[in-house]
All heavy atoms as atom14 arrays in JSON, in Angstrom:
{
  "sequence": "IAAADGENWVWAGAEVLEPDFSLALVELSRGGADATVVREF",
  "atom14_mask": [
    [1, 1, 1, 1, 1, 1, 1, 1, 0, 0, 0, 0, 0, 0],
    [1, 1, 1, 1, 1, 0, 0, 0, 0, 0, 0, 0, 0, 0],
    [1, 1, 1, 1, 1, 0, 0, 0, 0, 0, 0, 0, 0, 0],
    [1, 1, 1, 1, 1, 0, 0, 0, 0, 0, 0, 0, 0, 0],
    [1, 1, 1, 1, 1, 1, 1, 1, 0, 0, 0, 0, 0, 0],
    [1, 1, 1, 1, 0, 0, 0, 0, 0, 0, 0, 0, 0, 0],
    [1, 1, 1, 1, 1, 1, 1, 1, 1, 0, 0, 0, 0, 0],
    [1, 1, 1, 1, 1, 1, 1, 1, 0, 0, 0, 0, 0, 0],
    [1, 1, 1, 1, 1, 1, 1, 1, 1, 1, 1, 1, 1, 1],
    [1, 1, 1, 1, 1, 1, 1, 0, 0, 0, 0, 0, 0, 0],
    [1, 1, 1, 1, 1, 1, 1, 1, 1, 1, 1, 1, 1, 1],
    [1, 1, 1, 1, 1, 0, 0, 0, 0, 0, 0, 0, 0, 0],
    [1, 1, 1, 1, 0, 0, 0, 0, 0, 0, 0, 0, 0, 0],
    [1, 1, 1, 1, 1, 0, 0, 0, 0, 0, 0, 0, 0, 0],
    [1, 1, 1, 1, 1, 1, 1, 1, 1, 0, 0, 0, 0, 0],
    [1, 1, 1, 1, 1, 1, 1, 0, 0, 0, 0, 0, 0, 0],
    [1, 1, 1, 1, 1, 1, 1, 1, 0, 0, 0, 0, 0, 0],
    [1, 1, 1, 1, 1, 1, 1, 1, 1, 0, 0, 0, 0, 0],
    [1, 1, 1, 1, 1, 1, 1, 0, 0, 0, 0, 0, 0, 0],
    [1, 1, 1, 1, 1, 1, 1, 1, 0, 0, 0, 0, 0, 0],
    [1, 1, 1, 1, 1, 1, 1, 1, 1, 1, 1, 0, 0, 0],
    [1, 1, 1, 1, 1, 1, 0, 0, 0, 0, 0, 0, 0, 0],
    [1, 1, 1, 1, 1, 1, 1, 1, 0, 0, 0, 0, 0, 0],
    [1, 1, 1, 1, 1, 0, 0, 0, 0, 0, 0, 0, 0, 0],
    [1, 1, 1, 1, 1, 1, 1, 1, 0, 0, 0, 0, 0, 0],
    [1, 1, 1, 1, 1, 1, 1, 0, 0, 0, 0, 0, 0, 0],
    [1, 1, 1, 1, 1, 1, 1, 1, 1, 0, 0, 0, 0, 0],
    [1, 1, 1, 1, 1, 1, 1, 1, 0, 0, 0, 0, 0, 0],
    [1, 1, 1, 1, 1, 1, 0, 0, 0, 0, 0, 0, 0, 0],
    [1, 1, 1, 1, 1, 1, 1, 1, 1, 1, 1, 0, 0, 0],
    [1, 1, 1, 1, 0, 0, 0, 0, 0, 0, 0, 0, 0, 0],
    [1, 1, 1, 1, 0, 0, 0, 0, 0, 0, 0, 0, 0, 0],
    [1, 1, 1, 1, 1, 0, 0, 0, 0, 0, 0, 0, 0, 0],
    [1, 1, 1, 1, 1, 1, 1, 1, 0, 0, 0, 0, 0, 0],
    [1, 1, 1, 1, 1, 0, 0, 0, 0, 0, 0, 0, 0, 0],
    [1, 1, 1, 1, 1, 1, 1, 0, 0, 0, 0, 0, 0, 0],
    [1, 1, 1, 1, 1, 1, 1, 0, 0, 0, 0, 0, 0, 0],
    [1, 1, 1, 1, 1, 1, 1, 0, 0, 0, 0, 0, 0, 0],
    [1, 1, 1, 1, 1, 1, 1, 1, 1, 1, 1, 0, 0, 0],
    [1, 1, 1, 1, 1, 1, 1, 1, 1, 0, 0, 0, 0, 0],
    [1, 1, 1, 1, 1, 1, 1, 1, 1, 1, 1, 0, 0, 0]
  ],
  "atom14_positions": [
    [[-16.6, -0.64, 1.51], [-15.55, 0.24, 1.04], [-15.56, 0.33, -0.47], [-15.38, 1.43, -0.98], [-14.17, -0.34, 1.54], [-14.12, -0.3, 3.03], [-13.06, 0.48, 0.97], [-12.84, -1.07, 3.61], [0.0, 0.0, 0.0], [0.0, 0.0, 0.0], [0.0, 0.0, 0.0], [0.0, 0.0, 0.0], [0.0, 0.0, 0.0], [0.0, 0.0, 0.0]],
    [[-15.71, -0.77, -1.17], [-15.76, -0.8, -2.59], [-16.86, 0.14, -3.12], [-16.66, 0.91, -4.11], [-15.95, -2.17, -3.15], [0.0, 0.0, 0.0], [0.0, 0.0, 0.0], [0.0, 0.0, 0.0], [0.0, 0.0, 0.0], [0.0, 0.0, 0.0], [0.0, 0.0, 0.0], [0.0, 0.0, 0.0], [0.0, 0.0, 0.0], [0.0, 0.0, 0.0]],
    [[-18.06, 0.05, -2.51], [-19.21, 0.92, -2.89], [-18.86, 2.38, -2.63], [-19.19, 3.22, -3.46], [-20.47, 0.46, -2.13], [0.0, 0.0, 0.0], [0.0, 0.0, 0.0], [0.0, 0.0, 0.0], [0.0, 0.0, 0.0], [0.0, 0.0, 0.0], [0.0, 0.0, 0.0], [0.0, 0.0, 0.0], [0.0, 0.0, 0.0], [0.0, 0.0, 0.0]],
    [[-18.34, 2.68, -1.47], [-18.01, 4.06, -1.14], [-16.94, 4.62, -2.08], [-17.0, 5.8, -2.46], [-17.59, 4.17, 0.31], [0.0, 0.0, 0.0], [0.0, 0.0, 0.0], [0.0, 0.0, 0.0], [0.0, 0.0, 0.0], [0.0, 0.0, 0.0], [0.0, 0.0, 0.0], [0.0, 0.0, 0.0], [0.0, 0.0, 0.0], [0.0, 0.0, 0.0]],
    [[-15.98, 3.78, -2.43], [-14.85, 4.3, -3.26], [-15.17, 4.21, -4.78], [-14.45, 4.75, -5.62], [-13.61, 3.51, -2.99], [-13.05, 3.76, -1.59], [-13.55, 4.7, -0.91], [-12.2, 3.02, -1.13], [0.0, 0.0, 0.0], [0.0, 0.0, 0.0], [0.0, 0.0, 0.0], [0.0, 0.0, 0.0], [0.0, 0.0, 0.0], [0.0, 0.0, 0.0]],
    [[-16.24, 3.46, -5.13], [-16.52, 3.26, -6.53], [-15.42, 2.39, -7.22], [-15.1, 2.59, -8.4], [0.0, 0.0, 0.0], [0.0, 0.0, 0.0], [0.0, 0.0, 0.0], [0.0, 0.0, 0.0], [0.0, 0.0, 0.0], [0.0, 0.0, 0.0], [0.0, 0.0, 0.0], [0.0, 0.0, 0.0], [0.0, 0.0, 0.0], [0.0, 0.0, 0.0]],
    [[-14.83, 1.39, -6.43], [-13.73, 0.57, -6.94], [-14.13, -0.87, -6.72], [-14.86, -1.23, -5.88], [-12.44, 0.88, -6.12], [-11.87, 2.26, -6.39], [-11.06, 2.39, -7.6], [-11.04, 1.41, -8.44], [-10.52, 3.47, -7.86], [0.0, 0.0, 0.0], [0.0, 0.0, 0.0], [0.0, 0.0, 0.0], [0.0, 0.0, 0.0], [0.0, 0.0, 0.0]],
    [[-13.52, -1.7, -7.65], [-13.74, -3.14, -7.55], [-12.7, -3.8, -6.63], [-11.91, -4.63, -7.07], [-13.75, -3.79, -8.9], [-12.43, -3.54, -9.66], [-11.71, -2.62, -9.38], [-12.13, -4.39, -10.69], [0.0, 0.0, 0.0], [0.0, 0.0, 0.0], [0.0, 0.0, 0.0], [0.0, 0.0, 0.0], [0.0, 0.0, 0.0], [0.0, 0.0, 0.0]],
    [[-12.67, -3.37, -5.32], [-11.66, -3.78, -4.39], [-11.72, -5.3, -4.09], [-12.8, -5.88, -3.93], [-11.78, -3.07, -3.1], [-11.42, -1.58, -3.11], [-12.19, -0.57, -2.54], [-10.24, -0.97, -3.6], [-11.57, 0.58, -2.73], [-10.39, 0.41, -3.35], [-9.08, -1.44, -4.26], [-9.35, 1.32, -3.72], [-8.14, -0.53, -4.65], [-8.27, 0.8, -4.41]],
    [[-10.53, -5.89, -4.07], [-10.39, -7.27, -3.63], [-9.39, -7.29, -2.47], [-8.33, -6.64, -2.51], [-9.84, -8.2, -4.8], [-9.54, -9.59, -4.31], [-10.82, -8.19, -5.9], [0.0, 0.0, 0.0], [0.0, 0.0, 0.0], [0.0, 0.0, 0.0], [0.0, 0.0, 0.0], [0.0, 0.0, 0.0], [0.0, 0.0, 0.0], [0.0, 0.0, 0.0]],
    [[-9.77, -7.99, -1.39], [-8.98, -8.05, -0.16], [-7.61, -8.7, -0.48], [-7.52, -9.74, -1.14], [-9.65, -8.91, 0.85], [-8.91, -9.06, 2.18], [-8.26, -10.2, 2.53], [-8.74, -8.17, 3.23], [-7.69, -10.06, 3.79], [-7.98, -8.8, 4.24], [-9.24, -6.85, 3.47], [-7.71, -8.13, 5.39], [-8.89, -6.21, 4.67], [-8.14, -6.89, 5.61]],
    [[-6.52, -8.06, -0.13], [-5.17, -8.63, -0.32], [-4.38, -8.83, 0.96], [-3.2, -9.13, 0.89], [-4.42, -7.65, -1.25], [0.0, 0.0, 0.0], [0.0, 0.0, 0.0], [0.0, 0.0, 0.0], [0.0, 0.0, 0.0], [0.0, 0.0, 0.0], [0.0, 0.0, 0.0], [0.0, 0.0, 0.0], [0.0, 0.0, 0.0], [0.0, 0.0, 0.0]],
    [[-5.04, -8.72, 2.09], [-4.33, -9.01, 3.32], [-4.07, -7.8, 4.27], [-4.31, -6.63, 3.85], [0.0, 0.0, 0.0], [0.0, 0.0, 0.0], [0.0, 0.0, 0.0], [0.0, 0.0, 0.0], [0.0, 0.0, 0.0], [0.0, 0.0, 0.0], [0.0, 0.0, 0.0], [0.0, 0.0, 0.0], [0.0, 0.0, 0.0], [0.0, 0.0, 0.0]],
    [[-3.51, -8.09, 5.39], [-3.22, -7.01, 6.36], [-1.93, -7.37, 7.1], [-1.76, -8.47, 7.59], [-4.36, -6.81, 7.39], [0.0, 0.0, 0.0], [0.0, 0.0, 0.0], [0.0, 0.0, 0.0], [0.0, 0.0, 0.0], [0.0, 0.0, 0.0], [0.0, 0.0, 0.0], [0.0, 0.0, 0.0], [0.0, 0.0, 0.0], [0.0, 0.0, 0.0]],
    [[-1.04, -6.38, 7.24], [0.23, -6.54, 8.02], [-0.1, -5.88, 9.37], [-0.27, -4.66, 9.43], [1.37, -5.88, 7.3], [2.63, -5.86, 8.06], [3.32, -7.23, 8.19], [2.96, -8.11, 7.43], [4.25, -7.36, 9.0], [0.0, 0.0, 0.0], [0.0, 0.0, 0.0], [0.0, 0.0, 0.0], [0.0, 0.0, 0.0], [0.0, 0.0, 0.0]],
    [[-0.09, -6.72, 10.43], [-0.52, -6.19, 11.76], [0.74, -5.94, 12.63], [1.69, -6.7, 12.65], [-1.46, -7.15, 12.46], [-1.87, -6.61, 13.84], [-2.71, -7.42, 11.58], [0.0, 0.0, 0.0], [0.0, 0.0, 0.0], [0.0, 0.0, 0.0], [0.0, 0.0, 0.0], [0.0, 0.0, 0.0], [0.0, 0.0, 0.0], [0.0, 0.0, 0.0]],
    [[0.72, -4.82, 13.29], [1.82, -4.41, 14.16], [1.93, -5.4, 15.31], [0.96, -5.7, 16.04], [1.59, -3.01, 14.77], [2.59, -2.49, 15.78], [3.97, -2.27, 15.14], [2.12, -1.2, 16.38], [0.0, 0.0, 0.0], [0.0, 0.0, 0.0], [0.0, 0.0, 0.0], [0.0, 0.0, 0.0], [0.0, 0.0, 0.0], [0.0, 0.0, 0.0]],
    [[3.16, -5.9, 15.59], [3.38, -6.83, 16.67], [4.41, -6.19, 17.63], [5.18, -5.33, 17.27], [3.98, -8.17, 16.11], [3.09, -8.92, 15.18], [3.69, -10.2, 14.64], [4.8, -10.56, 15.15], [3.09, -10.85, 13.85], [0.0, 0.0, 0.0], [0.0, 0.0, 0.0], [0.0, 0.0, 0.0], [0.0, 0.0, 0.0], [0.0, 0.0, 0.0]],
    [[4.32, -6.51, 18.91], [3.47, -7.59, 19.48], [2.18, -7.1, 20.08], [1.44, -7.88, 20.78], [4.33, -8.18, 20.6], [5.15, -7.01, 21.06], [5.4, -6.15, 19.87], [0.0, 0.0, 0.0], [0.0, 0.0, 0.0], [0.0, 0.0, 0.0], [0.0, 0.0, 0.0], [0.0, 0.0, 0.0], [0.0, 0.0, 0.0], [0.0, 0.0, 0.0]],
    [[1.82, -5.74, 19.93], [0.59, -5.33, 20.59], [-0.65, -5.3, 19.73], [-1.76, -5.11, 20.18], [0.84, -3.88, 21.18], [0.95, -2.83, 20.15], [0.87, -3.15, 18.96], [1.14, -1.63, 20.53], [0.0, 0.0, 0.0], [0.0, 0.0, 0.0], [0.0, 0.0, 0.0], [0.0, 0.0, 0.0], [0.0, 0.0, 0.0], [0.0, 0.0, 0.0]],
    [[-0.46, -5.58, 18.39], [-1.53, -5.77, 17.43], [-2.55, -4.58, 17.46], [-3.74, -4.78, 17.37], [-2.28, -7.08, 17.73], [-1.35, -8.25, 17.81], [-0.96, -8.78, 19.06], [-0.9, -8.85, 16.69], [-0.08, -9.88, 19.13], [-0.04, -9.92, 16.74], [0.38, -10.46, 17.98], [0.0, 0.0, 0.0], [0.0, 0.0, 0.0], [0.0, 0.0, 0.0]],
    [[-2.1, -3.41, 17.57], [-2.88, -2.18, 17.66], [-3.13, -1.49, 16.34], [-4.08, -0.74, 16.24], [-2.27, -1.21, 18.67], [-0.96, -0.78, 18.2], [0.0, 0.0, 0.0], [0.0, 0.0, 0.0], [0.0, 0.0, 0.0], [0.0, 0.0, 0.0], [0.0, 0.0, 0.0], [0.0, 0.0, 0.0], [0.0, 0.0, 0.0], [0.0, 0.0, 0.0]],
    [[-2.3, -1.79, 15.36], [-2.43, -1.12, 14.03], [-2.26, -2.15, 12.98], [-1.6, -3.17, 13.16], [-1.45, 0.0, 13.88], [-1.52, 1.21, 14.79], [-0.25, 2.06, 14.72], [-2.75, 2.03, 14.47], [0.0, 0.0, 0.0], [0.0, 0.0, 0.0], [0.0, 0.0, 0.0], [0.0, 0.0, 0.0], [0.0, 0.0, 0.0], [0.0, 0.0, 0.0]],
    [[-2.78, -1.84, 11.74], [-2.6, -2.74, 10.65], [-2.36, -1.85, 9.37], [-2.86, -0.77, 9.27], [-3.82, -3.64, 10.42], [0.0, 0.0, 0.0], [0.0, 0.0, 0.0], [0.0, 0.0, 0.0], [0.0, 0.0, 0.0], [0.0, 0.0, 0.0], [0.0, 0.0, 0.0], [0.0, 0.0, 0.0], [0.0, 0.0, 0.0], [0.0, 0.0, 0.0]],
    [[-1.65, -2.52, 8.45], [-1.48, -1.95, 7.12], [-2.32, -2.81, 6.17], [-1.92, -3.95, 5.88], [0.0, -1.92, 6.64], [0.9, -0.98, 7.52], [2.39, -1.29, 7.23], [0.59, 0.5, 7.27], [0.0, 0.0, 0.0], [0.0, 0.0, 0.0], [0.0, 0.0, 0.0], [0.0, 0.0, 0.0], [0.0, 0.0, 0.0], [0.0, 0.0, 0.0]],
    [[-3.46, -2.32, 5.73], [-4.4, -3.08, 4.97], [-4.1, -2.9, 3.5], [-3.9, -1.8, 3.02], [-5.82, -2.7, 5.29], [-6.84, -3.32, 4.36], [-6.18, -3.04, 6.77], [0.0, 0.0, 0.0], [0.0, 0.0, 0.0], [0.0, 0.0, 0.0], [0.0, 0.0, 0.0], [0.0, 0.0, 0.0], [0.0, 0.0, 0.0], [0.0, 0.0, 0.0]],
    [[-4.13, -4.02, 2.73], [-3.85, -3.93, 1.29], [-5.08, -4.32, 0.54], [-5.78, -5.32, 0.81], [-2.72, -4.89, 0.9], [-1.38, -4.49, 1.5], [-0.18, -5.23, 1.01], [0.04, -5.23, -0.29], [0.49, -5.91, 1.73], [0.0, 0.0, 0.0], [0.0, 0.0, 0.0], [0.0, 0.0, 0.0], [0.0, 0.0, 0.0], [0.0, 0.0, 0.0]],
    [[-5.47, -3.48, -0.45], [-6.64, -3.68, -1.32], [-6.14, -3.71, -2.79], [-5.37, -2.87, -3.14], [-7.65, -2.65, -1.07], [-8.28, -2.56, 0.35], [-9.15, -1.35, 0.49], [-9.12, -3.85, 0.61], [0.0, 0.0, 0.0], [0.0, 0.0, 0.0], [0.0, 0.0, 0.0], [0.0, 0.0, 0.0], [0.0, 0.0, 0.0], [0.0, 0.0, 0.0]],
    [[-6.71, -4.62, -3.5], [-6.28, -4.79, -4.97], [-7.45, -4.45, -5.84], [-8.61, -4.81, -5.58], [-5.8, -6.21, -5.2], [-5.88, -6.55, -6.52], [0.0, 0.0, 0.0], [0.0, 0.0, 0.0], [0.0, 0.0, 0.0], [0.0, 0.0, 0.0], [0.0, 0.0, 0.0], [0.0, 0.0, 0.0], [0.0, 0.0, 0.0], [0.0, 0.0, 0.0]],
    [[-7.2, -3.75, -6.96], [-8.2, -3.55, -7.91], [-8.4, -4.78, -8.77], [-7.43, -5.14, -9.51], [-7.9, -2.28, -8.81], [-8.02, -0.97, -8.11], [-7.79, 0.2, -9.06], [-8.02, 1.45, -8.41], [-7.08, 2.16, -7.73], [-5.86, 1.69, -7.6], [-7.37, 3.3, -7.1], [0.0, 0.0, 0.0], [0.0, 0.0, 0.0], [0.0, 0.0, 0.0]],
    [[-9.52, -5.46, -8.64], [-9.81, -6.55, -9.49], [-8.98, -7.8, -9.26], [-9.02, -8.75, -10.05], [0.0, 0.0, 0.0], [0.0, 0.0, 0.0], [0.0, 0.0, 0.0], [0.0, 0.0, 0.0], [0.0, 0.0, 0.0], [0.0, 0.0, 0.0], [0.0, 0.0, 0.0], [0.0, 0.0, 0.0], [0.0, 0.0, 0.0], [0.0, 0.0, 0.0]],
    [[-8.22, -7.88, -8.13], [-7.46, -9.03, -7.8], [-6.04, -9.05, -8.35], [-5.36, -10.09, -8.27], [0.0, 0.0, 0.0], [0.0, 0.0, 0.0], [0.0, 0.0, 0.0], [0.0, 0.0, 0.0], [0.0, 0.0, 0.0], [0.0, 0.0, 0.0], [0.0, 0.0, 0.0], [0.0, 0.0, 0.0], [0.0, 0.0, 0.0], [0.0, 0.0, 0.0]],
    [[-5.57, -7.9, -8.83], [-4.2, -7.79, -9.32], [-3.2, -7.95, -8.16], [-3.55, -7.78, -6.98], [-4.0, -6.5, -10.05], [0.0, 0.0, 0.0], [0.0, 0.0, 0.0], [0.0, 0.0, 0.0], [0.0, 0.0, 0.0], [0.0, 0.0, 0.0], [0.0, 0.0, 0.0], [0.0, 0.0, 0.0], [0.0, 0.0, 0.0], [0.0, 0.0, 0.0]],
    [[-1.92, -8.24, -8.48], [-0.91, -8.32, -7.43], [-0.64, -6.92, -6.9], [-0.26, -6.8, -5.71], [0.41, -8.85, -8.01], [0.34, -10.38, -8.22], [-0.68, -11.0, -7.81], [1.29, -10.93, -8.75], [0.0, 0.0, 0.0], [0.0, 0.0, 0.0], [0.0, 0.0, 0.0], [0.0, 0.0, 0.0], [0.0, 0.0, 0.0], [0.0, 0.0, 0.0]],
    [[-0.72, -5.89, -7.66], [-0.54, -4.52, -7.23], [-1.61, -4.16, -6.27], [-2.8, -4.5, -6.54], [-0.45, -3.54, -8.39], [0.0, 0.0, 0.0], [0.0, 0.0, 0.0], [0.0, 0.0, 0.0], [0.0, 0.0, 0.0], [0.0, 0.0, 0.0], [0.0, 0.0, 0.0], [0.0, 0.0, 0.0], [0.0, 0.0, 0.0], [0.0, 0.0, 0.0]],
    [[-1.28, -3.47, -5.21], [-2.26, -3.09, -4.18], [-2.11, -1.61, -3.77], [-1.08, -1.04, -4.02], [-2.14, -3.95, -2.94], [-0.81, -3.76, -2.36], [-2.25, -5.4, -3.27], [0.0, 0.0, 0.0], [0.0, 0.0, 0.0], [0.0, 0.0, 0.0], [0.0, 0.0, 0.0], [0.0, 0.0, 0.0], [0.0, 0.0, 0.0], [0.0, 0.0, 0.0]],
    [[-3.16, -1.09, -3.21], [-3.03, 0.16, -2.4], [-2.92, -0.24, -0.96], [-3.41, -1.27, -0.52], [-4.23, 1.11, -2.62], [-4.34, 1.49, -4.1], [-5.54, 0.51, -2.1], [0.0, 0.0, 0.0], [0.0, 0.0, 0.0], [0.0, 0.0, 0.0], [0.0, 0.0, 0.0], [0.0, 0.0, 0.0], [0.0, 0.0, 0.0], [0.0, 0.0, 0.0]],
    [[-2.28, 0.61, -0.12], [-2.05, 0.33, 1.25], [-2.69, 1.44, 2.08], [-2.47, 2.62, 1.83], [-0.57, 0.16, 1.65], [-0.32, -0.06, 3.08], [0.04, -0.96, 0.82], [0.0, 0.0, 0.0], [0.0, 0.0, 0.0], [0.0, 0.0, 0.0], [0.0, 0.0, 0.0], [0.0, 0.0, 0.0], [0.0, 0.0, 0.0], [0.0, 0.0, 0.0]],
    [[-3.43, 1.09, 3.14], [-3.98, 2.05, 4.06], [-3.84, 1.64, 5.46], [-4.01, 0.43, 5.86], [-5.51, 2.18, 3.82], [-5.87, 2.69, 2.4], [-7.37, 2.75, 2.27], [-7.77, 3.15, 0.9], [-9.06, 3.18, 0.49], [-10.02, 2.78, 1.29], [-9.34, 3.6, -0.73], [0.0, 0.0, 0.0], [0.0, 0.0, 0.0], [0.0, 0.0, 0.0]],
    [[-3.48, 2.55, 6.39], [-3.3, 2.24, 7.78], [-4.7, 2.14, 8.46], [-5.6, 2.93, 8.25], [-2.5, 3.29, 8.47], [-2.2, 3.03, 9.95], [-1.29, 4.02, 10.62], [-0.93, 5.03, 9.86], [-1.0, 3.89, 11.76], [0.0, 0.0, 0.0], [0.0, 0.0, 0.0], [0.0, 0.0, 0.0], [0.0, 0.0, 0.0], [0.0, 0.0, 0.0]],
    [[-4.8, 1.12, 9.31], [-6.07, 0.87, 10.01], [-5.8, 0.74, 11.51], [-4.92, 0.06, 11.94], [-6.66, -0.44, 9.46], [-8.03, -0.81, 9.98], [-9.13, -0.2, 9.47], [-8.12, -1.82, 10.97], [-10.39, -0.56, 9.94], [-9.35, -2.16, 11.42], [-10.54, -1.56, 10.97], [0.0, 0.0, 0.0], [0.0, 0.0, 0.0], [0.0, 0.0, 0.0]]
  ]
}
């Protein structure tokens, strides 16, 4: 993903829909900062 986006993405976790675990809100951080972008997965 980092190569495709040209970004220094650092994994910041995922919030997964419960209780069926069918979707996630994935957080990616530029360079490890606390601020993140969020994408649905």
